[in-house]
N, C-alpha and C. Protein backbone atom coordinates (compact mmCIF):
# COMPACT_ATOMS: atom_id res chain seq x y z
N UNK A 1 -8.80 13.97 -20.67
CA UNK A 1 -8.01 13.15 -19.54
C UNK A 1 -7.76 14.54 -18.55
N UNK A 2 -7.99 14.05 -17.48
CA UNK A 2 -7.79 15.13 -16.51
C UNK A 2 -6.48 14.93 -15.59
N UNK A 3 -6.34 15.70 -14.56
CA UNK A 3 -4.81 15.90 -13.96
C UNK A 3 -4.57 14.74 -12.96
N UNK A 4 -5.80 14.22 -12.52
CA UNK A 4 -5.98 13.34 -11.36
C UNK A 4 -5.41 12.16 -11.90
N UNK A 5 -5.88 11.75 -13.70
CA UNK A 5 -5.30 10.61 -13.96
C UNK A 5 -3.87 10.50 -14.19
N UNK A 6 -3.58 11.69 -14.88
CA UNK A 6 -1.91 11.74 -14.77
C UNK A 6 -1.27 11.75 -13.69
N UNK A 7 -1.57 12.10 -12.55
CA UNK A 7 -0.87 11.96 -11.30
C UNK A 7 -0.95 10.76 -11.10
N UNK A 8 -1.94 9.87 -10.99
CA UNK A 8 -2.13 8.59 -10.70
C UNK A 8 -1.26 7.80 -11.42
N UNK A 9 -1.19 7.72 -12.83
CA UNK A 9 -0.39 7.08 -13.57
C UNK A 9 1.50 7.36 -13.30
N UNK A 10 1.48 8.83 -13.23
CA UNK A 10 2.78 8.96 -12.50
C UNK A 10 3.26 8.17 -11.44
N UNK A 11 2.38 8.22 -10.11
CA UNK A 11 2.52 7.88 -9.24
C UNK A 11 2.66 6.05 -9.06
N UNK A 12 1.81 5.63 -10.14
CA UNK A 12 2.21 4.07 -10.30
C UNK A 12 3.36 3.74 -11.10
N UNK A 13 3.46 4.37 -11.94
CA UNK A 13 5.00 4.17 -12.54
C UNK A 13 6.20 4.41 -11.39
N UNK A 14 6.40 5.49 -10.97
CA UNK A 14 7.10 6.03 -10.06
C UNK A 14 7.51 5.03 -8.94
N UNK A 15 6.13 4.49 -8.27
CA UNK A 15 6.36 3.75 -6.87
C UNK A 15 6.49 2.11 -7.59
N UNK A 16 6.31 1.87 -8.32
CA UNK A 16 6.89 0.46 -9.16
C UNK A 16 8.21 0.70 -9.36
N UNK A 17 8.53 1.32 -10.11
CA UNK A 17 9.97 1.38 -10.60
C UNK A 17 10.57 1.62 -9.34
N UNK A 18 10.56 2.43 -8.13
CA UNK A 18 11.39 2.50 -6.99
C UNK A 18 11.28 1.11 -6.32
N UNK A 19 10.14 0.66 -6.26
CA UNK A 19 10.21 -0.71 -5.68
C UNK A 19 10.96 -1.99 -6.20
N UNK A 20 10.76 -1.87 -7.61
CA UNK A 20 11.62 -2.70 -8.39
C UNK A 20 13.13 -2.70 -8.03
N UNK A 21 13.52 -1.30 -8.45
CA UNK A 21 14.84 -1.13 -8.72
C UNK A 21 15.38 -0.97 -7.44
N UNK A 22 15.02 -0.25 -6.01
CA UNK A 22 15.48 -0.01 -4.83
C UNK A 22 15.35 -1.00 -3.96
N UNK A 23 13.84 -1.12 -3.40
CA UNK A 23 13.28 -1.66 -2.27
C UNK A 23 13.01 -3.25 -2.57
N UNK A 24 13.22 -3.75 -3.70
CA UNK A 24 13.41 -5.30 -3.63
C UNK A 24 14.51 -5.62 -3.40
N UNK A 25 15.52 -4.74 -3.35
CA UNK A 25 16.92 -5.62 -3.10
C UNK A 25 17.23 -5.12 -1.48
N UNK A 26 16.33 -4.65 -0.88
CA UNK A 26 16.46 -4.49 0.44
C UNK A 26 16.04 -5.62 1.21
N UNK A 27 16.62 -5.83 2.39
CA UNK A 27 16.15 -7.07 3.23
C UNK A 27 17.14 -6.83 4.42
N UNK A 28 16.48 -6.39 5.48
CA UNK A 28 17.50 -6.01 6.84
C UNK A 28 16.94 -7.31 7.69
N UNK A 29 18.00 -8.08 8.16
CA UNK A 29 18.03 -8.80 9.23
C UNK A 29 17.11 -10.13 8.49
N UNK A 30 16.77 -10.26 7.56
CA UNK A 30 15.91 -11.16 7.13
C UNK A 30 14.32 -11.11 7.36
N UNK A 31 14.16 -10.05 8.16
CA UNK A 31 12.80 -10.22 8.30
C UNK A 31 12.27 -8.17 8.21
N UNK A 32 12.92 -7.51 7.67
CA UNK A 32 12.54 -6.47 7.27
C UNK A 32 12.46 -5.93 5.70
N UNK A 33 11.46 -6.08 5.02
CA UNK A 33 11.51 -6.13 3.87
C UNK A 33 10.28 -4.69 3.36
N UNK A 34 10.85 -3.58 2.97
CA UNK A 34 10.01 -2.43 2.37
C UNK A 34 9.40 -2.65 1.55
N UNK A 35 7.94 -2.28 1.72
CA UNK A 35 7.00 -2.44 0.16
C UNK A 35 5.99 -1.13 0.16
N UNK A 36 6.97 0.03 -0.30
CA UNK A 36 6.08 1.26 -0.19
C UNK A 36 5.43 1.51 -1.67
N UNK A 37 5.32 0.65 -2.47
CA UNK A 37 4.41 0.25 -3.69
C UNK A 37 2.97 0.45 -3.41
N UNK A 38 2.63 -0.03 -2.09
CA UNK A 38 1.46 0.19 -1.90
C UNK A 38 0.68 1.56 -1.42
N UNK A 39 1.39 2.24 -1.46
CA UNK A 39 0.95 3.86 -1.34
C UNK A 39 0.31 4.39 -2.59
N UNK A 40 0.61 3.42 -3.91
CA UNK A 40 -0.59 3.78 -5.09
C UNK A 40 -1.93 3.45 -4.60
N UNK A 41 -2.05 2.21 -3.76
CA UNK A 41 -3.24 1.94 -3.60
C UNK A 41 -3.91 2.71 -2.07
N UNK A 42 -3.19 3.10 -1.42
CA UNK A 42 -3.59 3.97 -0.21
C UNK A 42 -3.82 5.63 -0.74
N UNK A 43 -3.17 5.77 -1.73
CA UNK A 43 -3.42 7.33 -2.15
C UNK A 43 -4.24 7.49 -3.03
N UNK A 44 -5.09 6.58 -3.70
CA UNK A 44 -5.85 6.37 -4.96
C UNK A 44 -6.88 7.61 -4.38
N UNK A 45 -7.64 8.16 -5.21
CA UNK A 45 -8.46 9.03 -4.99
C UNK A 45 -9.74 8.27 -4.34
N UNK A 46 -10.21 8.91 -3.24
CA UNK A 46 -11.50 8.02 -2.52
C UNK A 46 -12.67 8.23 -3.62
N UNK A 47 -12.95 9.16 -4.44
CA UNK A 47 -14.01 9.18 -5.27
C UNK A 47 -13.61 8.50 -6.41
N UNK A 48 -12.51 7.87 -6.70
CA UNK A 48 -12.00 7.52 -8.03
C UNK A 48 -13.10 6.07 -8.37
N UNK A 49 -12.90 5.69 -9.80
CA UNK A 49 -13.16 4.31 -10.20
C UNK A 49 -12.90 3.35 -9.28
N UNK A 50 -13.79 2.48 -8.63
CA UNK A 50 -13.29 1.32 -7.99
C UNK A 50 -12.81 0.42 -8.82
N UNK A 51 -13.37 0.05 -10.30
CA UNK A 51 -12.98 -1.19 -10.76
C UNK A 51 -11.60 -0.84 -11.34
N UNK A 52 -11.43 0.65 -11.67
CA UNK A 52 -9.96 1.03 -12.17
C UNK A 52 -9.02 0.73 -10.82
N UNK A 53 -9.46 1.03 -9.72
CA UNK A 53 -8.52 0.87 -8.33
C UNK A 53 -8.08 -0.81 -8.44
N UNK A 54 -8.98 -1.64 -8.36
CA UNK A 54 -9.08 -3.10 -8.57
C UNK A 54 -7.97 -3.64 -9.45
N UNK A 55 -8.24 -3.06 -10.86
CA UNK A 55 -7.26 -3.42 -12.01
C UNK A 55 -6.11 -3.01 -11.97
N UNK A 56 -5.68 -1.71 -11.37
CA UNK A 56 -4.51 -0.99 -11.23
C UNK A 56 -3.76 -1.71 -9.75
N UNK A 57 -4.49 -2.24 -9.12
CA UNK A 57 -3.92 -3.02 -8.09
C UNK A 57 -3.35 -4.29 -8.71
N UNK A 58 -4.42 -4.80 -9.45
CA UNK A 58 -3.72 -6.09 -10.02
C UNK A 58 -2.70 -6.08 -10.93
N UNK A 59 -2.75 -5.01 -11.92
CA UNK A 59 -1.75 -4.74 -12.61
C UNK A 59 -0.36 -4.48 -11.90
N UNK A 60 -0.34 -3.74 -10.68
CA UNK A 60 0.84 -3.22 -10.04
C UNK A 60 1.06 -4.30 -9.47
N UNK A 61 0.36 -5.54 -8.77
CA UNK A 61 1.11 -6.77 -8.09
C UNK A 61 1.67 -7.70 -8.99
N UNK A 62 0.92 -7.45 -10.39
CA UNK A 62 1.27 -8.63 -11.41
C UNK A 62 2.76 -8.34 -12.06
N UNK A 63 2.80 -6.93 -12.23
CA UNK A 63 4.13 -6.43 -12.76
C UNK A 63 5.23 -6.70 -11.49
N UNK A 64 5.21 -6.40 -10.45
CA UNK A 64 5.80 -6.98 -9.49
C UNK A 64 6.17 -8.04 -9.02
N UNK A 65 5.12 -8.78 -9.41
CA UNK A 65 5.39 -10.60 -9.25
C UNK A 65 6.31 -11.05 -10.31
N UNK A 66 6.05 -10.48 -11.61
CA UNK A 66 7.15 -10.63 -12.51
C UNK A 66 8.65 -10.26 -12.25
N UNK A 67 8.89 -9.16 -11.67
CA UNK A 67 10.29 -8.85 -11.71
C UNK A 67 10.61 -9.48 -10.18
N UNK A 68 9.62 -9.98 -9.37
CA UNK A 68 10.23 -10.51 -8.08
C UNK A 68 10.23 -11.84 -8.29
N UNK A 69 9.43 -12.53 -9.30
CA UNK A 69 9.36 -14.34 -9.53
C UNK A 69 8.66 -14.59 -8.08
N UNK A 70 7.68 -13.71 -7.88
CA UNK A 70 6.91 -14.54 -6.48
C UNK A 70 5.90 -15.23 -6.67
N UNK A 71 5.48 -15.44 -7.90
CA UNK A 71 4.30 -16.40 -8.40
C UNK A 71 2.75 -15.84 -8.00
N UNK A 72 2.63 -14.50 -7.91
CA UNK A 72 1.37 -13.85 -7.85
C UNK A 72 0.69 -13.63 -6.48
N UNK A 73 1.73 -13.64 -5.47
CA UNK A 73 1.31 -13.08 -4.01
C UNK A 73 1.20 -11.52 -3.87
N UNK A 74 2.07 -10.79 -4.68
CA UNK A 74 1.93 -9.24 -4.50
C UNK A 74 0.27 -9.14 -5.23
N UNK A 75 0.32 -9.55 -6.36
CA UNK A 75 -0.97 -9.39 -6.94
C UNK A 75 -2.47 -9.33 -6.17
N UNK A 76 -2.26 -10.83 -5.50
CA UNK A 76 -3.14 -11.18 -4.49
C UNK A 76 -3.17 -10.27 -3.29
N UNK A 77 -2.28 -9.53 -2.69
CA UNK A 77 -2.17 -8.97 -1.29
C UNK A 77 -2.82 -7.60 -1.94
N UNK A 78 -2.44 -7.08 -3.46
CA UNK A 78 -2.66 -5.66 -3.60
C UNK A 78 -4.39 -5.87 -4.12
N UNK A 79 -4.61 -6.82 -4.68
CA UNK A 79 -6.12 -7.13 -4.97
C UNK A 79 -6.98 -6.82 -3.82
N UNK A 80 -6.79 -7.74 -2.55
CA UNK A 80 -7.23 -8.03 -1.64
C UNK A 80 -7.42 -6.41 -0.62
N UNK A 81 -6.17 -5.92 -1.00
CA UNK A 81 -6.04 -4.42 -0.29
C UNK A 81 -7.18 -3.52 -0.76
N UNK A 82 -7.19 -3.48 -2.07
CA UNK A 82 -8.00 -2.58 -2.94
C UNK A 82 -9.35 -2.65 -2.68
N UNK A 83 -9.70 -4.04 -2.59
CA UNK A 83 -11.07 -4.48 -2.15
C UNK A 83 -11.56 -4.11 -0.97
N UNK A 84 -10.95 -4.27 0.10
CA UNK A 84 -11.26 -3.79 1.31
C UNK A 84 -10.76 -2.18 1.79
N UNK A 85 -10.46 -1.35 0.91
CA UNK A 85 -9.78 0.03 0.85
C UNK A 85 -11.28 0.74 1.53
N UNK A 86 -12.17 0.54 0.67
CA UNK A 86 -13.52 1.19 1.43
C UNK A 86 -14.04 1.05 2.65
N UNK A 87 -14.16 -0.53 3.10
CA UNK A 87 -14.13 -0.71 4.59
C UNK A 87 -13.32 0.05 5.13
N UNK A 88 -11.96 0.10 5.06
CA UNK A 88 -11.05 0.50 6.08
C UNK A 88 -11.10 2.08 6.20
N UNK A 89 -11.76 2.81 4.92
CA UNK A 89 -11.90 3.98 4.92
C UNK A 89 -13.21 4.49 5.80
N UNK A 90 -14.03 3.61 5.89
CA UNK A 90 -15.48 3.70 6.60
C UNK A 90 -14.98 3.53 8.29
N UNK A 91 -14.05 2.60 8.54
CA UNK A 91 -13.78 2.30 9.68
C UNK A 91 -12.78 3.42 10.22
N UNK A 92 -11.80 3.60 9.51
CA UNK A 92 -11.07 4.82 10.37
C UNK A 92 -11.55 6.31 10.26
N UNK A 93 -12.42 6.70 9.23
CA UNK A 93 -12.67 8.10 9.07
C UNK A 93 -14.34 8.24 9.53
N UNK A 94 -15.13 7.07 9.25
CA UNK A 94 -16.36 7.42 9.90
C UNK A 94 -17.18 8.33 8.87
N UNK A 95 -18.04 9.29 9.31
CA UNK A 95 -19.04 9.89 8.44
C UNK A 95 -17.75 10.72 7.62
N UNK A 96 -16.70 11.20 7.75
CA UNK A 96 -15.96 11.84 6.59
C UNK A 96 -16.13 11.06 5.29
N UNK A 97 -15.94 9.86 5.43
CA UNK A 97 -15.92 8.96 4.15
C UNK A 97 -17.01 9.20 3.47
N UNK A 98 -18.37 8.95 4.33
CA UNK A 98 -19.60 9.34 3.42
C UNK A 98 -19.49 10.47 2.79
N UNK A 99 -18.93 11.69 3.34
CA UNK A 99 -19.06 12.78 2.39
C UNK A 99 -18.01 13.27 1.31
N UNK A 100 -17.13 12.12 1.13
CA UNK A 100 -15.87 12.37 0.15
C UNK A 100 -14.85 13.37 0.75
N UNK A 101 -14.70 13.84 2.13
CA UNK A 101 -14.11 14.98 2.44
C UNK A 101 -12.77 14.31 2.62
N UNK A 102 -11.86 13.21 2.40
CA UNK A 102 -10.59 12.74 2.74
C UNK A 102 -9.57 13.21 1.75
N UNK A 103 -8.69 13.45 2.57
CA UNK A 103 -7.48 13.69 1.70
C UNK A 103 -6.12 13.26 2.55
N UNK A 104 -5.42 12.53 2.31
CA UNK A 104 -4.57 11.57 3.14
C UNK A 104 -3.20 12.45 2.71
N UNK A 105 -2.85 13.42 1.99
CA UNK A 105 -1.84 14.25 1.99
C UNK A 105 -1.51 15.24 2.84
N UNK A 106 -2.63 15.46 3.56
CA UNK A 106 -2.84 16.66 4.51
C UNK A 106 -2.12 16.27 5.53
N UNK A 107 -1.87 17.00 6.88
CA UNK A 107 -1.40 16.86 8.18
C UNK A 107 -1.75 15.49 8.92
N UNK A 108 -0.85 14.67 9.29
CA UNK A 108 -0.89 13.45 9.84
C UNK A 108 -1.97 13.73 10.96
N UNK A 109 -3.17 12.77 11.14
CA UNK A 109 -4.20 12.80 12.13
C UNK A 109 -4.20 11.19 12.78
N UNK A 110 -4.83 11.12 13.60
CA UNK A 110 -5.04 9.52 14.16
C UNK A 110 -5.92 8.96 13.09
N UNK A 111 -7.01 9.40 12.50
CA UNK A 111 -7.74 8.66 11.67
C UNK A 111 -6.93 8.38 10.23
N UNK A 112 -5.92 9.18 9.94
CA UNK A 112 -5.38 8.97 8.68
C UNK A 112 -4.13 7.70 8.99
N UNK A 113 -3.71 8.13 10.25
CA UNK A 113 -2.51 7.07 10.68
C UNK A 113 -3.09 5.84 10.75
N UNK A 114 -4.30 5.54 11.40
CA UNK A 114 -5.16 4.11 11.71
C UNK A 114 -5.27 3.63 10.02
N UNK A 115 -5.81 4.72 9.25
CA UNK A 115 -5.88 3.93 7.88
C UNK A 115 -4.85 3.31 7.06
N UNK A 116 -3.64 4.16 7.36
CA UNK A 116 -2.51 3.82 6.71
C UNK A 116 -1.97 2.40 7.62
N UNK A 117 -2.12 2.33 8.94
CA UNK A 117 -1.57 1.55 9.46
C UNK A 117 -2.25 0.18 8.94
N UNK A 118 -3.51 0.47 9.48
CA UNK A 118 -4.46 -0.82 8.90
C UNK A 118 -4.15 -1.39 7.29
N UNK A 119 -4.11 -0.39 6.68
CA UNK A 119 -3.85 -0.94 5.14
C UNK A 119 -2.33 -1.71 5.14
N UNK A 120 -1.63 -1.13 5.69
CA UNK A 120 -0.32 -1.63 5.58
C UNK A 120 -0.03 -3.22 6.07
N UNK A 121 -0.80 -3.38 7.52
CA UNK A 121 -0.96 -4.68 8.05
C UNK A 121 -1.69 -5.69 7.27
N UNK A 122 -2.85 -5.13 6.79
CA UNK A 122 -3.44 -6.33 6.21
C UNK A 122 -2.65 -6.89 4.88
N UNK A 123 -2.04 -5.80 4.01
CA UNK A 123 -1.23 -6.18 2.93
C UNK A 123 -0.05 -7.10 3.14
N UNK A 124 0.42 -6.82 4.23
CA UNK A 124 1.82 -7.32 4.73
C UNK A 124 1.23 -8.67 5.26
N UNK A 125 0.56 -8.72 5.96
CA UNK A 125 -0.23 -10.61 6.56
C UNK A 125 -0.54 -11.15 5.44
N UNK A 126 -1.38 -10.90 4.38
CA UNK A 126 -1.71 -11.58 3.48
C UNK A 126 -0.40 -11.87 2.27
N UNK A 127 0.38 -11.08 2.32
CA UNK A 127 1.72 -11.06 1.60
C UNK A 127 2.43 -12.24 1.91
N UNK A 128 2.74 -12.23 3.54
CA UNK A 128 3.51 -12.83 4.11
C UNK A 128 3.01 -14.62 4.57
N UNK A 129 1.86 -14.55 4.64
CA UNK A 129 0.97 -15.49 4.64
C UNK A 129 0.92 -16.53 3.22
N UNK A 130 0.98 -16.06 2.08
CA UNK A 130 0.94 -16.46 0.90
C UNK A 130 2.07 -16.68 0.54
N UNK A 131 2.90 -15.95 1.12
CA UNK A 131 4.57 -16.35 0.67
C UNK A 131 5.08 -17.75 1.20
N UNK A 132 4.69 -17.79 2.70
CA UNK A 132 5.12 -18.88 3.73
C UNK A 132 4.26 -20.36 3.53
N UNK A 133 2.85 -20.01 3.54
CA UNK A 133 1.70 -20.82 3.38
C UNK A 133 1.83 -22.02 4.28
N UNK A 134 2.55 -21.83 5.50
CA UNK A 134 2.53 -22.96 6.31
C UNK A 134 2.27 -22.51 7.87
N UNK A 135 1.43 -22.96 8.64
CA UNK A 135 1.24 -22.46 10.07
C UNK A 135 2.18 -22.96 10.71
N UNK A 136 3.15 -23.52 10.63
CA UNK A 136 4.09 -23.80 11.39
C UNK A 136 5.13 -22.80 11.44
N UNK A 137 5.08 -21.97 10.65
CA UNK A 137 5.80 -20.91 10.52
C UNK A 137 5.28 -19.44 11.10
N UNK A 138 4.18 -19.58 11.66
CA UNK A 138 3.35 -18.54 12.30
C UNK A 138 4.03 -17.53 13.06
N UNK A 139 4.89 -17.63 14.11
CA UNK A 139 5.76 -16.81 14.45
C UNK A 139 6.52 -15.95 13.87
N UNK A 140 7.12 -16.72 12.46
CA UNK A 140 8.26 -15.99 11.53
C UNK A 140 7.27 -14.78 10.65
N UNK A 141 6.18 -15.43 10.58
CA UNK A 141 5.08 -14.37 9.57
C UNK A 141 4.58 -13.33 10.60
N UNK A 142 4.37 -13.43 11.74
CA UNK A 142 4.02 -12.42 12.45
C UNK A 142 5.18 -11.56 12.66
N UNK A 143 6.33 -11.82 13.14
CA UNK A 143 7.64 -11.22 13.24
C UNK A 143 8.01 -10.29 11.75
N UNK A 144 8.07 -11.35 10.67
CA UNK A 144 8.07 -10.24 9.66
C UNK A 144 6.91 -9.26 9.30
N UNK A 145 5.65 -9.69 9.48
CA UNK A 145 4.59 -8.79 9.23
C UNK A 145 4.94 -7.45 10.30
N UNK A 146 5.32 -7.59 11.39
CA UNK A 146 5.53 -6.51 12.22
C UNK A 146 6.34 -5.52 12.10
N UNK A 147 7.66 -6.49 11.51
CA UNK A 147 8.52 -5.44 11.47
C UNK A 147 8.68 -4.70 10.16
N UNK A 148 8.44 -5.30 9.08
CA UNK A 148 8.14 -4.82 7.85
C UNK A 148 7.02 -3.76 7.75
N UNK A 149 6.05 -3.99 8.43
CA UNK A 149 4.83 -2.81 8.60
C UNK A 149 5.48 -1.67 9.14
N UNK A 150 6.22 -1.70 10.16
CA UNK A 150 6.89 -0.38 10.87
C UNK A 150 7.33 0.24 9.99
N UNK A 151 8.53 -0.55 9.31
CA UNK A 151 9.41 0.14 8.35
C UNK A 151 8.59 0.61 7.09
N UNK A 152 7.48 0.08 6.79
CA UNK A 152 6.83 0.40 5.34
C UNK A 152 5.91 1.55 5.70
N UNK A 153 5.49 1.90 7.02
CA UNK A 153 4.77 2.90 7.43
C UNK A 153 5.64 3.94 7.55
N UNK A 154 6.70 3.89 8.04
CA UNK A 154 7.67 5.17 8.32
C UNK A 154 8.21 5.47 6.81
N UNK A 155 8.28 4.43 5.88
CA UNK A 155 8.87 4.83 4.52
C UNK A 155 7.75 5.78 3.86
N UNK A 156 6.42 5.16 4.00
CA UNK A 156 5.22 5.85 3.27
C UNK A 156 4.95 7.34 4.03
N UNK A 157 5.11 7.45 5.30
CA UNK A 157 5.01 8.81 5.85
C UNK A 157 5.89 9.71 5.24
N UNK A 158 7.28 9.31 5.14
CA UNK A 158 8.12 10.01 4.57
C UNK A 158 8.00 10.35 3.36
N UNK A 159 7.75 9.34 2.55
CA UNK A 159 7.32 9.59 0.79
C UNK A 159 5.78 10.65 0.80
N UNK A 160 4.86 10.58 1.47
CA UNK A 160 3.90 11.05 1.82
C UNK A 160 4.33 12.91 1.89
N UNK A 161 5.31 12.96 2.79
CA UNK A 161 5.43 14.34 3.56
C UNK A 161 6.51 14.80 2.33
N UNK A 162 7.16 14.25 1.78
CA UNK A 162 8.24 14.81 0.81
C UNK A 162 7.45 15.21 -0.79
N UNK A 163 6.52 14.63 -0.96
CA UNK A 163 5.62 14.79 -1.86
C UNK A 163 4.79 15.75 -2.19
N UNK A 164 4.08 16.05 -0.69
CA UNK A 164 2.89 16.67 -0.68
C UNK A 164 3.06 18.17 -1.29
N UNK A 165 1.95 18.29 -1.89
CA UNK A 165 2.09 19.94 -2.44
C UNK A 165 1.99 21.01 -1.19
N UNK A 166 3.19 21.96 -1.33
CA UNK A 166 3.02 23.06 -0.46
C UNK A 166 1.62 24.04 -0.65
N UNK A 167 1.18 24.77 0.67
CA UNK A 167 0.13 25.40 0.63
C UNK A 167 0.68 27.06 0.69
N UNK A 168 -0.04 27.63 -0.10
CA UNK A 168 0.36 29.26 0.26
C UNK A 168 -0.91 29.89 0.63
């Protein structure tokens, strides 16, 4: 087993634990709920096993659903994000994705930011639509998605830059 697998397992456990212990208990003004656990899906290696990502995403969402008592909405949102991740890469990075030369832990570029932004917005949209499941709450879903996405993106960028390896 290589070090990438150990890094992904450690990231999986650490982000899931932090989400369950710290971030599930945060709810600012009733509209802002941070979900930085999706950083696992975002930072999964580009050339990694696609089925492994789908399975790990399902497992990540399912475990979070069990601790949150949320009935499968996290699992659904995570699997949909993992499924559409290659298309988001292709949209955000273009030709760089084809040559597998992407590293999200480097300096923030517009391509990296757009990938993180699209990933978070898609995940949060699906999550809040499935949570509410009523069209009459459209503005509530939109506001929760917007505010939670902004907070989650800021949190994800902070986590990425605090954990990125130093170059010497």
